Protein backbone atom coordinates (compact mmCIF):
# COMPACT_ATOMS: atom_id res chain seq x y z
CA MET A 1 0.00 0.00 0.00
CA LEU A 2 2.69 2.51 0.99
CA ARG A 3 4.60 1.84 -2.23
CA MET A 4 1.56 2.63 -4.36
CA LEU A 5 0.68 5.72 -2.32
CA ALA A 6 4.23 7.05 -2.53
CA GLY A 7 4.26 6.71 -6.30
CA GLU A 8 0.90 8.40 -6.72
CA ALA A 9 1.88 11.18 -4.28
CA ALA A 10 5.02 11.77 -6.34
CA ARG A 11 2.91 12.08 -9.49
CA ARG A 12 0.32 14.39 -7.95
CA PHE A 13 2.41 16.53 -5.61
CA GLY A 14 5.87 16.28 -7.23
CA GLY A 15 7.81 19.35 -6.12
CA ARG A 16 5.82 20.01 -2.93
CA ALA A 17 7.78 19.48 0.27
CA ALA A 18 6.93 16.28 2.10
CA VAL A 19 9.37 17.01 4.95
CA ASP A 20 10.96 20.36 5.77
CA THR A 21 13.39 20.79 8.66
CA GLY A 22 14.42 24.34 7.77
CA GLU A 23 17.85 23.02 6.75
CA SER A 24 16.77 20.12 4.58
CA ARG A 25 13.76 19.88 2.30
CA LEU A 26 12.52 16.66 0.69
CA THR A 27 9.78 16.75 -1.93
CA PHE A 28 7.18 14.05 -2.54
CA ALA A 29 8.90 13.16 -5.81
CA GLU A 30 12.24 12.84 -4.02
CA LEU A 31 10.69 10.83 -1.20
CA ASP A 32 9.47 8.24 -3.69
CA ARG A 33 12.59 8.25 -5.86
CA PHE A 34 15.16 8.10 -3.07
CA SER A 35 13.21 5.58 -0.99
CA ASP A 36 13.32 3.37 -4.11
CA ARG A 37 17.12 3.65 -4.05
CA VAL A 38 17.28 2.89 -0.34
CA ALA A 39 14.95 -0.08 -0.85
CA ALA A 40 17.32 -1.36 -3.52
CA GLY A 41 20.14 -0.89 -1.03
CA TYR A 42 18.25 -2.87 1.59
CA ALA A 43 17.71 -5.72 -0.87
CA HIS A 44 21.40 -5.64 -1.83
CA ARG A 45 22.28 -6.04 1.86
CA GLY A 46 20.02 -9.07 2.12
CA VAL A 47 16.92 -7.53 3.72
CA ARG A 48 13.88 -9.59 2.77
CA ALA A 49 10.14 -9.54 3.32
CA GLY A 50 9.29 -9.94 6.99
CA ASP A 51 12.72 -8.79 8.21
CA VAL A 52 12.99 -5.92 10.66
CA VAL A 53 14.83 -2.72 9.77
CA ALA A 54 15.58 -0.72 12.92
CA VAL A 55 15.62 3.02 12.19
CA ALA A 56 17.43 4.97 14.92
CA LEU A 57 17.98 8.35 13.28
CA PRO A 58 17.43 11.94 14.40
CA ASP A 59 14.15 13.40 13.15
CA GLY A 60 14.45 14.48 9.55
CA PRO A 61 13.85 13.38 5.95
CA GLU A 62 16.05 10.29 6.25
CA TYR A 63 13.81 8.89 8.98
CA LEU A 64 10.77 8.69 6.73
CA LEU A 65 12.88 7.72 3.70
CA CYS A 66 14.27 4.69 5.52
CA CYS A 67 10.89 3.63 6.93
CA LEU A 68 9.17 3.93 3.56
CA ALA A 69 11.99 1.98 1.91
CA ALA A 70 11.43 -0.88 4.34
CA ALA A 71 7.79 -1.09 3.27
CA LYS A 72 8.87 -1.19 -0.37
CA VAL A 73 10.75 -4.47 0.20
CA GLY A 74 8.07 -5.93 2.49
CA ALA A 75 10.19 -5.43 5.61
CA ILE A 76 9.05 -4.04 8.96
CA ALA A 77 10.26 -0.56 9.92
CA ALA A 78 10.90 -0.28 13.66
CA GLY A 79 10.93 3.40 14.54
CA LEU A 80 13.28 4.21 17.43
CA ASP A 81 13.56 7.50 19.30
CA THR A 82 17.20 8.59 19.50
CA ARG A 83 16.44 10.71 22.56
CA LEU A 84 16.36 7.55 24.66
CA PRO A 85 19.44 6.70 26.73
CA ALA A 86 21.93 4.74 24.63
CA GLY A 87 21.61 1.63 26.81
CA ALA A 88 17.82 1.54 26.55
CA LEU A 89 18.01 2.11 22.81
CA ALA A 90 20.55 -0.69 22.38
CA ALA A 91 18.35 -3.04 24.40
CA ARG A 92 15.45 -2.37 22.04
CA VAL A 93 17.62 -3.10 19.04
CA ASP A 94 18.79 -6.35 20.60
CA ARG A 95 15.23 -7.48 21.24
CA LEU A 96 14.16 -6.57 17.71
CA ASP A 97 17.04 -8.63 16.28
CA PRO A 98 16.87 -6.60 13.04
CA ALA A 99 18.29 -7.66 9.71
CA LEU A 100 19.63 -4.12 9.40
CA THR A 101 20.01 -1.13 11.71
CA VAL A 102 20.19 2.39 10.28
CA THR A 103 21.51 4.90 12.78
CA ALA A 104 23.57 8.08 13.22
CA PRO A 105 27.04 8.61 14.70
CA GLY A 106 27.10 8.30 18.48
CA VAL A 107 23.51 7.09 18.84
CA LEU A 108 24.23 3.40 19.49
CA PRO A 109 27.21 1.64 21.03
CA HIS A 110 29.20 -0.68 18.78
CA ARG A 111 27.10 -3.71 17.87
CA PRO A 112 29.44 -6.58 16.93
CA GLY A 113 27.90 -9.10 14.60
CA ARG A 114 25.08 -6.79 13.49
CA ASP A 115 24.60 -5.15 10.12
CA VAL A 116 24.64 -1.45 11.01
CA VAL A 117 24.72 1.44 8.54
CA THR A 118 25.54 4.98 9.63
CA PRO A 119 24.65 7.39 6.80
CA ALA A 120 26.68 10.54 6.34
CA GLY A 121 25.46 13.83 7.76
CA ARG A 122 23.50 16.23 5.61
CA GLY A 123 25.01 19.21 3.88
CA GLY A 124 23.47 22.66 4.11
CA ARG A 125 21.59 22.64 0.82
CA ARG A 126 17.80 22.58 0.84
CA GLU A 127 16.98 22.12 -2.84
CA PRO A 128 17.62 19.74 -4.41
CA TYR A 129 17.78 17.24 -1.57
CA ASP A 130 21.35 16.39 -0.56
CA VAL A 131 21.59 12.73 -1.52
CA THR A 132 24.95 12.30 0.22
CA ALA A 133 22.90 11.81 3.37
CA ILE A 134 21.79 8.39 2.11
CA ALA A 135 24.73 7.54 -0.15
CA GLU A 136 25.83 4.59 2.00
CA LEU A 137 22.36 3.07 1.80
CA ALA A 138 21.25 3.79 -1.75
CA ARG A 139 21.70 1.72 -4.90
CA PRO A 140 21.04 2.86 -8.49
CA GLU A 141 18.94 -0.15 -9.53
CA ARG A 142 15.22 -0.52 -9.08
CA PRO A 143 13.93 -2.08 -5.85
CA PRO A 144 12.47 -5.60 -5.89
CA PRO A 145 9.01 -6.01 -7.47
CA PRO A 146 6.02 -5.02 -5.30
CA MET A 147 4.79 -7.58 -2.80
CA PRO A 148 1.35 -9.11 -3.36
CA PRO A 149 -1.37 -7.50 -1.22
CA ASP A 150 -1.51 -8.99 2.28
CA ALA A 151 -3.60 -7.30 4.94
CA ALA A 152 -1.87 -9.32 7.66
CA ARG A 153 1.67 -8.25 6.68
CA ALA A 154 3.43 -6.35 9.47
CA THR A 155 4.61 -2.92 8.36
CA VAL A 156 5.76 -0.79 11.29
CA ILE A 157 6.66 -1.13 14.97
CA VAL A 158 6.14 1.80 17.30
CA TYR A 159 6.82 1.88 21.02
CA THR A 160 4.66 2.69 24.00
CA SER A 161 6.12 5.22 26.41
CA GLY A 162 6.32 2.73 29.27
CA ARG A 163 4.45 4.85 31.78
CA THR A 164 2.14 2.01 32.74
CA GLY A 165 4.69 -0.79 32.46
CA PRO A 166 7.61 -1.84 30.28
CA ALA A 167 7.77 -0.08 26.93
CA ARG A 168 6.58 -2.48 24.25
CA GLY A 169 6.87 -2.59 20.50
CA VAL A 170 3.39 -2.28 19.00
CA VAL A 171 2.99 -3.96 15.60
CA PHE A 172 0.81 -2.49 12.88
CA GLY A 173 0.28 -4.05 9.48
CA ASP A 174 -1.29 -3.16 6.16
CA ARG A 175 -4.77 -3.79 7.59
CA GLN A 176 -4.34 -1.20 10.32
CA LEU A 177 -2.63 1.34 8.08
CA GLU A 178 -5.45 1.02 5.57
CA ALA A 179 -8.02 1.69 8.31
CA ILE A 180 -6.06 4.75 9.46
CA ARG A 181 -5.73 5.96 5.88
CA ALA A 182 -9.46 5.56 5.26
CA ALA A 183 -10.30 7.48 8.45
CA GLY A 184 -7.83 10.28 7.77
CA ALA A 185 -8.08 10.73 4.02
CA GLY A 186 -11.01 8.71 2.68
CA SER A 187 -11.15 8.73 -1.11
CA ARG A 188 -9.80 12.24 -1.60
CA TRP A 189 -6.34 13.17 -2.78
CA GLY A 190 -4.76 16.43 -1.67
CA GLY A 191 -6.15 18.98 0.74
CA GLY A 192 -3.65 18.27 3.49
CA ASP A 193 -2.76 21.37 5.45
CA ALA A 194 0.89 21.78 6.39
CA ARG A 195 1.59 20.84 10.00
CA LEU A 196 4.33 21.35 12.51
CA VAL A 197 5.09 17.88 13.87
CA SER A 198 4.87 18.01 17.66
CA THR A 199 6.05 14.45 18.43
CA PRO A 200 9.14 12.45 17.46
CA LEU A 201 8.85 10.83 14.05
CA ALA A 202 9.00 7.43 15.77
CA HIS A 203 5.68 8.21 17.47
CA VAL A 204 2.51 6.35 16.55
CA SER A 205 0.87 9.57 15.35
CA VAL A 206 3.51 9.95 12.61
CA LEU A 207 4.59 6.48 11.50
CA THR A 208 1.10 4.98 11.31
CA ARG A 209 -0.20 8.08 9.52
CA LEU A 210 2.34 8.01 6.71
CA PRO A 211 -0.41 6.83 4.30
CA VAL A 212 -2.46 9.91 5.21
CA LEU A 213 0.51 12.23 4.73
CA LEU A 214 1.13 10.74 1.28
CA GLN A 215 -2.48 10.81 0.11
CA THR A 216 -3.24 14.32 1.35
CA GLY A 217 0.05 15.86 0.21
CA ARG A 218 0.66 17.34 3.65
CA THR A 219 3.99 19.01 4.34
CA SER A 220 5.46 17.99 7.69
CA HIS A 221 7.63 20.66 9.29
CA VAL A 222 10.06 19.02 11.69
CA LEU A 223 12.12 20.62 14.47
CA PRO A 224 15.29 18.97 15.79
CA ALA A 225 13.85 19.63 19.27
CA TRP A 226 10.48 21.18 20.07
CA GLU A 227 10.90 24.60 21.69
CA PRO A 228 8.18 27.28 21.80
CA GLU A 229 10.27 30.02 20.16
CA ALA A 230 11.36 27.76 17.29
CA ALA A 231 7.85 26.35 16.93
CA ALA A 232 6.30 29.82 16.75
CA GLU A 233 8.85 30.90 14.15
CA VAL A 234 8.01 27.95 11.87
CA LEU A 235 4.27 28.37 12.38
CA ALA A 236 4.45 32.06 11.51
CA ARG A 237 6.88 31.75 8.58
CA HIS A 238 4.78 29.09 6.85
CA SER A 239 1.36 30.48 7.88
CA ILE A 240 0.37 27.10 9.31
CA GLY A 241 -3.32 27.18 10.15
CA VAL A 242 -3.66 24.04 12.29
CA LEU A 243 -1.82 24.15 15.60
CA HIS A 244 -1.28 20.69 17.09
CA GLY A 245 0.48 19.72 20.29
CA SER A 246 0.23 18.42 23.82
CA PRO A 247 -1.40 20.65 26.46
CA ALA A 248 2.07 21.46 27.81
CA GLN A 249 3.33 22.49 24.37
CA LEU A 250 0.26 24.57 23.62
CA GLU A 251 0.46 26.33 26.97
CA ARG A 252 4.04 27.34 26.17
CA LEU A 253 2.87 28.78 22.83
CA LEU A 254 0.27 31.06 24.43
CA PRO A 255 2.71 34.01 24.78
CA HIS A 256 3.36 33.78 21.01
CA ALA A 257 -0.31 33.87 19.97
CA GLY A 258 0.00 37.42 18.67
CA ARG A 259 2.54 36.23 16.08
CA LEU A 260 0.13 33.56 14.78
CA PRO A 261 -3.01 35.31 13.48
CA GLY A 262 -3.56 32.62 10.84
CA VAL A 263 -4.31 29.78 13.27
CA ARG A 264 -7.84 28.56 12.58
CA LEU A 265 -7.86 25.31 14.59
CA VAL A 266 -6.07 24.10 17.72
CA LEU A 267 -5.71 20.35 18.35
CA THR A 268 -4.63 18.92 21.70
CA SER A 269 -3.44 15.36 22.23
CA GLY A 270 -1.34 13.30 24.61
CA ALA A 271 -3.49 14.14 27.65
CA PRO A 272 -6.79 15.93 28.18
CA ALA A 273 -6.27 19.68 28.35
CA PRO A 274 -7.56 21.40 31.52
CA ALA A 275 -10.74 23.41 30.94
CA GLU A 276 -8.97 26.66 31.81
CA LEU A 277 -6.27 26.01 29.22
CA VAL A 278 -8.86 25.22 26.54
CA ARG A 279 -10.55 28.54 27.23
CA GLU A 280 -7.22 30.39 27.17
CA LEU A 281 -6.27 28.80 23.86
CA ARG A 282 -9.64 29.59 22.33
CA GLY A 283 -9.40 33.21 23.42
CA ALA A 284 -5.75 33.72 22.48
CA PHE A 285 -5.98 32.22 18.98
CA GLY A 286 -9.61 33.01 18.22
CA ALA A 287 -10.05 29.46 16.95
CA PRO A 288 -11.89 26.29 17.97
CA VAL A 289 -10.00 23.90 20.24
CA CYS A 290 -10.45 20.15 19.74
CA ASN A 291 -9.22 17.19 21.77
CA ARG A 292 -7.77 14.03 20.29
CA TYR A 293 -7.54 10.83 22.32
CA LEU A 294 -6.13 7.35 21.67
CA CYS A 295 -3.67 4.91 23.14
CA THR A 296 -0.76 3.60 21.10
CA GLU A 297 -2.28 0.13 20.74
CA ALA A 298 -5.61 1.42 19.42
CA GLY A 299 -4.44 3.18 16.24
CA LEU A 300 -7.63 5.27 16.11
CA GLY A 301 -9.55 6.86 18.94
CA LEU A 302 -11.88 9.70 19.85
CA GLY A 303 -12.07 13.45 19.50
CA THR A 304 -14.16 16.57 19.71
CA ARG A 305 -15.09 18.48 16.57
CA PRO A 306 -14.80 22.19 15.65
CA GLY A 307 -18.57 22.59 15.59
CA ASP A 308 -19.17 20.99 18.99
CA PRO A 309 -20.24 23.12 21.96
CA PRO A 310 -17.19 24.69 23.69
CA GLU A 311 -17.79 22.62 26.83
CA ASP A 312 -17.05 19.41 24.91
CA ALA A 313 -13.33 20.15 24.63
CA GLU A 314 -13.25 21.64 28.12
CA THR A 315 -14.57 18.59 29.93
CA THR A 316 -14.39 15.58 27.56
CA VAL A 317 -12.26 13.90 24.92
CA GLY A 318 -15.27 13.66 22.62
CA ARG A 319 -16.89 10.80 20.79
CA PRO A 320 -15.47 7.85 18.84
CA ARG A 321 -14.27 8.48 15.32
CA GLN A 322 -16.09 6.71 12.52
CA GLY A 323 -15.39 2.99 12.68
CA VAL A 324 -14.27 3.09 16.33
CA ASP A 325 -16.20 1.31 19.08
CA LEU A 326 -15.89 2.58 22.66
CA ALA A 327 -16.57 0.53 25.79
CA VAL A 328 -16.32 1.40 29.48
CA ARG A 329 -16.29 -1.67 31.72
CA ASP A 330 -16.19 -2.38 35.43
CA ALA A 331 -13.69 -4.62 37.22
CA ASP A 332 -15.75 -7.70 36.28
CA GLY A 333 -15.72 -6.83 32.59
CA HIS A 334 -19.36 -5.72 32.48
CA THR A 335 -20.46 -2.59 30.65
CA ALA A 336 -20.61 0.33 33.07
CA ARG A 337 -23.74 2.44 33.22
CA ARG A 338 -23.65 5.95 31.82
CA GLY A 339 -21.93 8.22 34.30
CA GLU A 340 -20.26 5.34 36.12
CA PRO A 341 -16.47 5.05 35.81
CA GLY A 342 -14.68 2.04 34.44
CA GLU A 343 -11.80 0.98 32.26
CA VAL A 344 -11.80 2.51 28.76
CA LEU A 345 -11.49 0.07 25.84
CA LEU A 346 -11.36 0.74 22.11
CA ARG A 347 -11.98 -1.42 19.05
CA SER A 348 -11.59 -0.76 15.34
CA ALA A 349 -9.87 -2.16 12.27
CA ALA A 350 -6.84 -0.09 13.31
CA VAL A 351 -6.04 -1.81 16.62
CA MET A 352 -2.58 -3.35 16.79
CA SER A 353 -1.74 -6.85 15.61
CA GLY A 354 0.11 -7.41 18.88
CA TYR A 355 3.35 -6.67 20.70
CA TRP A 356 6.65 -7.56 19.11
CA ASP A 357 8.03 -10.75 20.63
CA ASP A 358 5.59 -10.64 23.56
CA PRO A 359 2.45 -12.68 22.79
CA ARG A 360 1.47 -13.03 26.44
CA ALA A 361 1.38 -9.28 27.00
CA ALA A 362 -0.57 -8.91 23.75
CA ALA A 363 -3.14 -11.44 24.93
CA ARG A 364 -3.60 -9.50 28.17
CA ALA A 365 -4.06 -6.27 26.24
CA PHE A 366 -7.15 -7.55 24.45
CA ALA A 367 -10.59 -8.39 25.76
CA ARG A 368 -12.24 -11.51 24.31
CA ASP A 369 -14.35 -9.46 21.92
CA GLY A 370 -11.40 -7.68 20.30
CA PHE A 371 -11.43 -4.49 22.35
CA VAL A 372 -7.99 -3.26 23.38
CA ARG A 373 -7.47 -2.04 26.94
CA THR A 374 -6.21 1.53 27.16
CA GLY A 375 -5.38 1.52 30.87
CA ASP A 376 -7.39 4.73 31.28
CA ILE A 377 -10.39 5.22 33.58
CA GLY A 378 -13.40 7.24 32.50
CA PHE A 379 -17.13 7.36 31.97
CA VAL A 380 -19.55 8.07 29.12
CA ASP A 381 -22.20 10.75 29.61
CA ASP A 382 -25.72 10.96 28.17
CA SER A 383 -24.35 12.61 25.02
CA ASP A 384 -21.96 9.72 24.30
CA ARG A 385 -18.92 11.81 25.25
CA LEU A 386 -16.02 10.22 27.09
CA HIS A 387 -14.78 11.85 30.29
CA LEU A 388 -11.38 10.71 31.59
CA LEU A 389 -10.78 10.74 35.31
CA PRO A 390 -7.61 12.36 36.68
CA ASP A 391 -6.32 9.14 38.24
CA GLY A 392 -6.45 7.24 34.94
CA ASP A 393 -3.33 6.80 32.86
CA ARG A 394 -3.49 8.95 29.79
CA GLY A 395 -4.02 7.87 26.21
CA GLN A 396 -1.07 8.17 23.79
CA ASN A 397 1.17 7.62 26.81
CA HIS A 398 0.13 4.02 27.44
């Protein structure tokens, strides 16, 4: 699926930036062309369908290039956050047992016996893309022929934060990515507003939404590290109309609201925003504020909408997105009455296939009827809105 989408995005959006870091700019045409070369390089190194390619790179064009290239050879891209301590990062690589690890200088300790590639650093040019950054990976020949369609094929691994237990690799395949694509883009091509990416590229909200980015032609502006001054500068310079971030990030952007008159929608995710903050954001930016809620394992979740009453975003995380089932259950697994708290569970075609190399934990994560446990506690009101309780662990941090 990703291979087809990348080719069509290259045809439709060609010279539009897919990723822009301010120092490096990669167009949709370049993303498709150079990921083909990296895919050919993977195949030359012996990477085959079903193998894992561990991607431990700083956020930037090469991250998405290397993940997309893995999909083009039928391999599984395991996105790793280089901000983790080196020991923890190395332990993840060891457990993944990848066929190939792509990393940057100083990120990982020496890994004897492993196939590790460390691409060169980027030059300062923005256009055209500086291909020396991937020269050690790329090959001039075409990549292997496309794989036959297989909804069960694993495509990406993303990690939970570990706040509620050990961090686990969550596996998503073509089936889940197709469900996320359908929810985020439907049948339309184009129309994707540029966004400033507020999470690491290894995060579930980026890697699993690569099909949406390709189909909508959305430019992703990426910062080496999220800081309010740098974020405000990018938002203002590119007239980005949709402001997306965690409540903590958005609160730090409040003093810069006067520099951002073009913001027309504010999206919060990662944790429910306090009612006072929602009101402050609405007043400062003069735009609707909407909540987004999911846990890593669910793929898709809930949210409020721009046309909803203001109180929705102030006190709830909204209603399920299309195709998502919500359940709140008591300690015995029975459906809780409206207004009564219980564990929050989600079900859709986007829920994970399981945890990498941990089938027992995956079995515990699912209820018998296919709902995945979020670990959060909440209740549903008479308007079908989900309220999360303060003591519950937060979605997207599970």
